[in-house]
Amino acid sequence: MQLSKIAKYAKESVKEHPEIFEALLEFERTGKIQRPKNKKRANFTIDIKLLKEFQKYCKEHGYKMSTRIEKLVENELKKNYN
């Protein structure tokens, strides 16, 4: 592969996956590898009774609340956009 093609491929890769290259730069700086973050914290309000019931449900079934919410949102989006 020619050097110009490699450089072009590298630039495209940085644009498509900046989080990976940021992790590599952090490793170069600190010597530690951190996983790229593919999740973002979301803050929202929810009815107290609904939250308590959901917490109870997740605890009884051994679910993590964030994982269940992700699945519920994912299913809702699939149902409405596909």
Protein backbone atom coordinates (compact mmCIF):
# COMPACT_ATOMS: atom_id res chain seq x y z
CA MET A 1 0.00 0.00 0.00
CA GLN A 2 1.30 3.42 -0.88
CA LEU A 3 2.10 5.87 1.88
CA SER A 4 -0.55 8.33 0.66
CA LYS A 5 -3.21 5.59 0.82
CA ILE A 6 -2.12 4.66 4.33
CA ALA A 7 -2.25 8.30 5.43
CA LYS A 8 -5.72 8.71 3.89
CA TYR A 9 -6.94 5.52 5.61
CA ALA A 10 -5.49 6.69 8.94
CA LYS A 11 -7.21 10.09 8.67
CA GLU A 12 -10.54 8.46 7.84
CA SER A 13 -10.14 6.08 10.77
CA VAL A 14 -9.48 8.93 13.18
CA LYS A 15 -12.62 10.71 11.95
CA GLU A 16 -14.76 7.56 12.29
CA HIS A 17 -13.43 6.40 15.67
CA PRO A 18 -11.91 9.34 17.58
CA GLU A 19 -12.50 7.61 20.93
CA ILE A 20 -10.03 4.86 20.05
CA PHE A 21 -7.30 7.30 19.15
CA GLU A 22 -7.97 9.35 22.26
CA ALA A 23 -7.49 6.15 24.28
CA LEU A 24 -4.19 5.49 22.48
CA LEU A 25 -2.98 9.02 23.18
CA GLU A 26 -3.95 8.58 26.84
CA PHE A 27 -1.99 5.30 26.94
CA GLU A 28 1.02 7.01 25.43
CA ARG A 29 0.79 9.75 28.05
CA THR A 30 0.03 7.62 31.14
CA GLY A 31 1.00 4.06 30.24
CA LYS A 32 -2.51 2.89 31.17
CA ILE A 33 -5.20 1.62 28.84
CA GLN A 34 -8.72 2.84 29.47
CA ARG A 35 -11.66 1.33 27.67
CA PRO A 36 -13.29 3.68 25.19
CA LYS A 37 -16.56 4.98 26.60
CA ASN A 38 -19.58 4.04 24.61
CA LYS A 39 -22.11 5.07 27.22
CA LYS A 40 -23.26 8.43 28.50
CA ARG A 41 -24.95 9.23 31.78
CA ALA A 42 -28.52 10.47 31.38
CA ASN A 43 -30.33 12.43 34.05
CA PHE A 44 -34.10 12.62 33.98
CA THR A 45 -37.01 12.75 36.40
CA ILE A 46 -39.43 9.89 36.94
CA ASP A 47 -42.48 9.34 39.13
CA ILE A 48 -41.36 8.14 42.59
CA LYS A 49 -43.83 5.24 42.76
CA LEU A 50 -42.84 4.08 39.29
CA LEU A 51 -39.15 4.26 40.19
CA LYS A 52 -39.62 2.27 43.41
CA GLU A 53 -41.63 -0.39 41.57
CA PHE A 54 -38.99 -0.59 38.84
CA GLN A 55 -36.20 -0.88 41.42
CA LYS A 56 -38.09 -3.69 43.15
CA TYR A 57 -38.72 -5.45 39.83
CA CYS A 58 -35.06 -5.24 38.83
CA LYS A 59 -33.88 -6.46 42.22
CA GLU A 60 -36.28 -9.43 42.21
CA HIS A 61 -35.19 -10.47 38.72
CA GLY A 62 -31.48 -9.72 39.13
CA TYR A 63 -31.47 -6.98 36.50
CA LYS A 64 -29.36 -3.85 36.37
CA MET A 65 -31.71 -0.91 36.00
CA SER A 66 -29.66 0.81 33.31
CA THR A 67 -29.50 -2.36 31.20
CA ARG A 68 -33.28 -2.82 31.41
CA ILE A 69 -33.91 0.82 30.50
CA GLU A 70 -31.56 0.48 27.51
CA LYS A 71 -33.51 -2.57 26.30
CA LEU A 72 -36.88 -0.88 26.83
CA VAL A 73 -35.78 2.20 24.88
CA GLU A 74 -34.20 0.05 22.16
CA ASN A 75 -37.41 -1.99 21.78
CA GLU A 76 -39.55 1.15 21.70
CA LEU A 77 -37.38 2.68 18.97
CA LYS A 78 -37.43 -0.52 16.90
CA LYS A 79 -41.20 -0.71 17.24
CA ASN A 80 -41.74 2.89 16.16
CA TYR A 81 -39.00 3.39 13.56
CA ASN A 82 -38.88 0.04 11.74
